[in-house]
Structure formats: C-alpha cells, structure tokens
Amino acid sequence: MIKSTVQKAGLAVFQTSGNPGYSLVLYFEPGVQLIEPPGDSQSAAVQLLLKWLTTFDTNESTKERLKIKVNVLNAESCGIPAWALKYNGHGCMLTKSNRMTRLQGRTKSGLECSVVECDVDLREWNLLCRQGVNSILPILGNIDFTLALIIQGESDNELPEQVLGLVRLNFLDLERAQKW
C-alpha cells in the first residue's frame, strides 16, 4: 500500500520535513526461527536479528545498523539514468533517518508477537540522495525492483549478512496513491 499527501511528484516532495511526501508501508511476518526458543543451532543471521530486535530501542548504534538494498530488475529498459545504474543492488545505511517503534501484534497464524515498526524518512537524507530519489519518481511506473532490509554485520560472527525481509514491487502508480 502506498499512501501519499500529494497527487503528483514534484521537486518539493523530499525538501523539508514539513512538506508532504510518500509512505510505502510493508509488513513482514517473522519466520519460524524467530518464534522457536534460541539455541546453538540458530544461524549467525538469526542471532544477529534477535540481538537487534531486543536492543534497537535502548541502543542508538544498534538501531542505526539497519540498511536497505534496492535492486532494479529491469534496469536497462526502464529509463533509469546512467549515473544511478552504478548504485543498483548496493546497500544503503539508514542511520538516523529511521524511526523504530515496538508494538504488540499478531501473526497471520494468530501468535502474539512484538511488532517493530520502522519509518524511514528520506527527507532527512542528504541533498544529493534526495535529488537522486526524486529523479526516479517520474519513471517509477516503469520500474520492477526488489527492496530488502538487512542488519549490518560488524564482526566475523555476524557474517555473512542475510536479508531479513524482501519484497518485490513493480510498476508503482503514484497517481493512484492514497492521500493521508
């Protein structure tokens, strides 16, 4: 679901925190490894995620380890500018631009669980990044891409990094975004 406070993308979309913008809302259900009790059999990636989930709200440096990775699947045919192609598939640290909130919720199967809501405010990114994202908005309807969330591994026992949540989005129509 994409929600929007504007009908058309314009240069002002990402300029200041007081201006309107777009929100992309994604929900991921935890895998069975996160529901089972911890143990030595859990992979390093699952152990890192559990550590992150239990400390992100009390440790700022842990919260800032979240990164996003976008991979455009039809990069040559969708009209992405040449300068942007070299960044395709590379991760981007979200650092201070993400806001995390812990809530109580239920999985689709009815299990109670803590839910982590992550709100990434692109308007807090530097000017060059905001302009880059803004230049992609007019061709967003031509793009087929995946968006992955990853926790940055910082030591050998936290590697290799694993994708925590992945979604494939394609041909988004900003004209049909809901106002909020």
Protein backbone atom coordinates (compact mmCIF):
# COMPACT_ATOMS: atom_id res chain seq x y z
CA MET A 1 0.00 0.00 0.00
CA ILE A 2 1.36 3.42 -0.86
CA LYS A 3 -0.06 6.42 0.91
CA SER A 4 0.53 9.96 -0.18
CA THR A 5 -0.28 13.50 0.78
CA VAL A 6 0.38 14.78 -2.74
CA GLN A 7 -1.06 13.78 -6.06
CA LYS A 8 1.97 14.42 -8.27
CA ALA A 9 5.65 14.02 -7.57
CA GLY A 10 7.43 17.33 -7.58
CA LEU A 11 10.79 18.71 -6.58
CA ALA A 12 9.44 19.72 -3.17
CA VAL A 13 8.49 16.13 -2.23
CA PHE A 14 11.70 15.47 -0.26
CA GLN A 15 12.91 19.01 0.54
CA THR A 16 11.97 19.53 4.19
CA SER A 17 10.35 17.55 6.95
CA GLY A 18 7.33 19.91 6.86
CA ASN A 19 6.49 19.17 3.23
CA PRO A 20 4.29 16.26 2.12
CA GLY A 21 5.73 13.01 0.84
CA TYR A 22 5.02 9.36 0.10
CA SER A 23 4.93 6.43 2.51
CA LEU A 24 5.50 2.85 1.46
CA VAL A 25 4.05 0.51 4.10
CA LEU A 26 5.36 -3.06 4.24
CA TYR A 27 4.62 -5.79 6.79
CA PHE A 28 6.84 -8.84 7.32
CA GLU A 29 5.88 -11.84 9.46
CA PRO A 30 8.75 -13.46 11.43
CA GLY A 31 9.97 -16.85 10.27
CA VAL A 32 9.78 -19.97 12.42
CA GLN A 33 13.43 -19.49 13.53
CA LEU A 34 12.40 -16.36 15.42
CA ILE A 35 9.44 -18.00 17.13
CA GLU A 36 11.36 -21.05 18.40
CA PRO A 37 13.46 -20.70 21.57
CA PRO A 38 17.05 -19.53 20.97
CA GLY A 39 19.76 -22.15 20.74
CA ASP A 40 23.13 -23.01 19.30
CA SER A 41 21.50 -24.28 16.10
CA GLN A 42 20.36 -20.79 15.08
CA SER A 43 22.33 -19.20 12.28
CA ALA A 44 24.50 -16.14 12.87
CA ALA A 45 21.97 -14.06 10.92
CA VAL A 46 19.09 -15.13 13.20
CA GLN A 47 21.18 -14.47 16.31
CA LEU A 48 22.07 -11.00 14.96
CA LEU A 49 18.42 -10.24 14.22
CA LEU A 50 17.34 -11.36 17.71
CA LYS A 51 20.06 -9.18 19.25
CA TRP A 52 18.94 -6.24 17.10
CA LEU A 53 15.25 -6.76 17.95
CA THR A 54 15.94 -6.79 21.69
CA THR A 55 18.30 -3.78 21.80
CA PHE A 56 17.36 -1.35 18.99
CA ASP A 57 15.13 0.73 21.27
CA THR A 58 17.76 1.10 24.02
CA ASN A 59 20.93 1.35 21.93
CA GLU A 60 21.14 4.02 19.20
CA SER A 61 24.17 2.44 17.49
CA THR A 62 22.28 -0.87 17.19
CA LYS A 63 19.23 0.85 15.68
CA GLU A 64 21.42 2.58 13.10
CA ARG A 65 22.72 -0.75 11.76
CA LEU A 66 19.60 -1.17 9.60
CA LYS A 67 20.20 -0.85 5.87
CA ILE A 68 18.11 -1.07 2.76
CA LYS A 69 19.09 -2.59 -0.56
CA VAL A 70 17.20 -1.88 -3.78
CA ASN A 71 17.80 -3.98 -6.88
CA VAL A 72 16.14 -2.82 -10.10
CA LEU A 73 15.42 -5.94 -12.17
CA ASN A 74 14.74 -4.18 -15.47
CA ALA A 75 17.45 -1.50 -15.13
CA GLU A 76 18.39 -1.33 -18.82
CA SER A 77 14.83 -0.99 -20.12
CA CYS A 78 13.07 1.21 -17.54
CA GLY A 79 14.81 4.51 -18.21
CA ILE A 80 16.94 4.85 -15.08
CA PRO A 81 19.65 7.48 -15.56
CA ALA A 82 23.15 6.09 -16.21
CA TRP A 83 24.54 7.62 -13.00
CA ALA A 84 22.03 5.63 -10.94
CA LEU A 85 22.84 2.27 -12.55
CA LYS A 86 26.17 2.03 -10.71
CA TYR A 87 24.27 2.05 -7.37
CA ASN A 88 21.84 -0.70 -8.40
CA GLY A 89 21.94 -3.54 -5.88
CA HIS A 90 24.14 -1.74 -3.34
CA GLY A 91 23.07 -1.35 0.29
CA CYS A 92 22.40 2.00 1.93
CA MET A 93 22.68 2.55 5.69
CA LEU A 94 19.56 4.18 7.10
CA THR A 95 21.33 5.54 10.23
CA LYS A 96 19.40 8.42 11.82
CA SER A 97 16.68 8.57 9.13
CA ASN A 98 14.79 5.60 10.57
CA ARG A 99 12.37 5.75 13.49
CA MET A 100 11.70 2.50 15.29
CA THR A 101 8.68 1.66 17.45
CA ARG A 102 7.91 -1.57 19.30
CA LEU A 103 4.24 -2.60 19.37
CA GLN A 104 2.25 -5.73 20.22
CA GLY A 105 0.64 -7.60 17.34
CA ARG A 106 -0.38 -10.98 15.95
CA THR A 107 0.97 -13.05 13.10
CA LYS A 108 -1.34 -14.35 10.37
CA SER A 109 -1.41 -17.67 12.23
CA GLY A 110 -2.65 -15.92 15.39
CA LEU A 111 0.52 -15.99 17.52
CA GLU A 112 1.07 -12.93 19.69
CA CYS A 113 4.36 -11.20 18.98
CA SER A 114 6.19 -7.92 19.32
CA VAL A 115 5.97 -5.90 16.16
CA VAL A 116 8.69 -3.50 15.08
CA GLU A 117 7.57 -0.54 13.03
CA CYS A 118 10.31 1.16 11.06
CA ASP A 119 9.65 4.53 9.49
CA VAL A 120 12.39 5.77 7.14
CA ASP A 121 12.20 9.48 6.39
CA LEU A 122 14.02 10.14 3.10
CA ARG A 123 13.64 13.86 3.72
CA GLU A 124 16.44 13.50 6.30
CA TRP A 125 18.89 12.14 3.70
CA ASN A 126 21.47 14.47 2.22
CA LEU A 127 20.51 16.70 -0.69
CA LEU A 128 22.25 14.61 -3.34
CA CYS A 129 20.45 11.41 -2.26
CA ARG A 130 17.07 13.17 -2.08
CA GLN A 131 17.55 14.60 -5.57
CA GLY A 132 18.53 11.14 -6.82
CA VAL A 133 15.37 9.58 -5.39
CA ASN A 134 13.32 12.49 -6.74
CA SER A 135 14.72 11.95 -10.26
CA ILE A 136 13.47 8.34 -10.16
CA LEU A 137 9.87 9.23 -9.19
CA PRO A 138 8.70 10.18 -12.72
CA ILE A 139 9.75 6.75 -14.07
CA LEU A 140 8.66 4.72 -11.03
CA GLY A 141 5.78 3.27 -13.05
CA ASN A 142 8.32 1.62 -15.40
CA ILE A 143 10.46 0.01 -12.70
CA ASP A 144 10.41 -3.61 -11.47
CA PHE A 145 12.52 -3.85 -8.29
CA THR A 146 13.16 -5.67 -5.05
CA LEU A 147 13.60 -3.93 -1.71
CA ALA A 148 15.46 -5.76 1.06
CA LEU A 149 16.05 -4.94 4.74
CA ILE A 150 19.37 -6.07 6.22
CA ILE A 151 21.11 -5.65 9.61
CA GLN A 152 24.72 -4.54 9.14
CA GLY A 153 27.12 -7.24 10.34
CA GLU A 154 30.12 -5.74 12.14
CA SER A 155 32.14 -8.74 13.27
CA ASP A 156 33.08 -12.09 11.75
CA ASN A 157 30.49 -13.96 13.84
CA GLU A 158 27.74 -11.70 12.37
CA LEU A 159 28.70 -12.51 8.77
CA PRO A 160 27.60 -13.28 6.17
CA GLU A 161 24.72 -10.82 6.35
CA GLN A 162 21.31 -12.15 5.44
CA VAL A 163 18.20 -10.49 4.06
CA LEU A 164 15.66 -10.07 6.87
CA GLY A 165 12.72 -9.02 4.76
CA LEU A 166 12.32 -8.81 1.00
CA VAL A 167 9.52 -7.52 -1.17
CA ARG A 168 9.22 -7.22 -4.93
CA LEU A 169 7.47 -4.09 -6.17
CA ASN A 170 6.76 -3.26 -9.76
CA PHE A 171 5.22 -0.54 -11.84
CA LEU A 172 4.01 1.61 -8.92
CA ASP A 173 1.50 4.29 -9.89
CA LEU A 174 1.99 7.41 -7.76
CA GLU A 175 -1.11 8.98 -9.31
CA ARG A 176 -3.19 6.32 -7.51
CA ALA A 177 -1.51 6.77 -4.12
CA GLN A 178 -3.95 7.33 -1.25
CA LYS A 179 -3.94 10.69 0.43
CA TRP A 180 -3.30 10.73 4.19
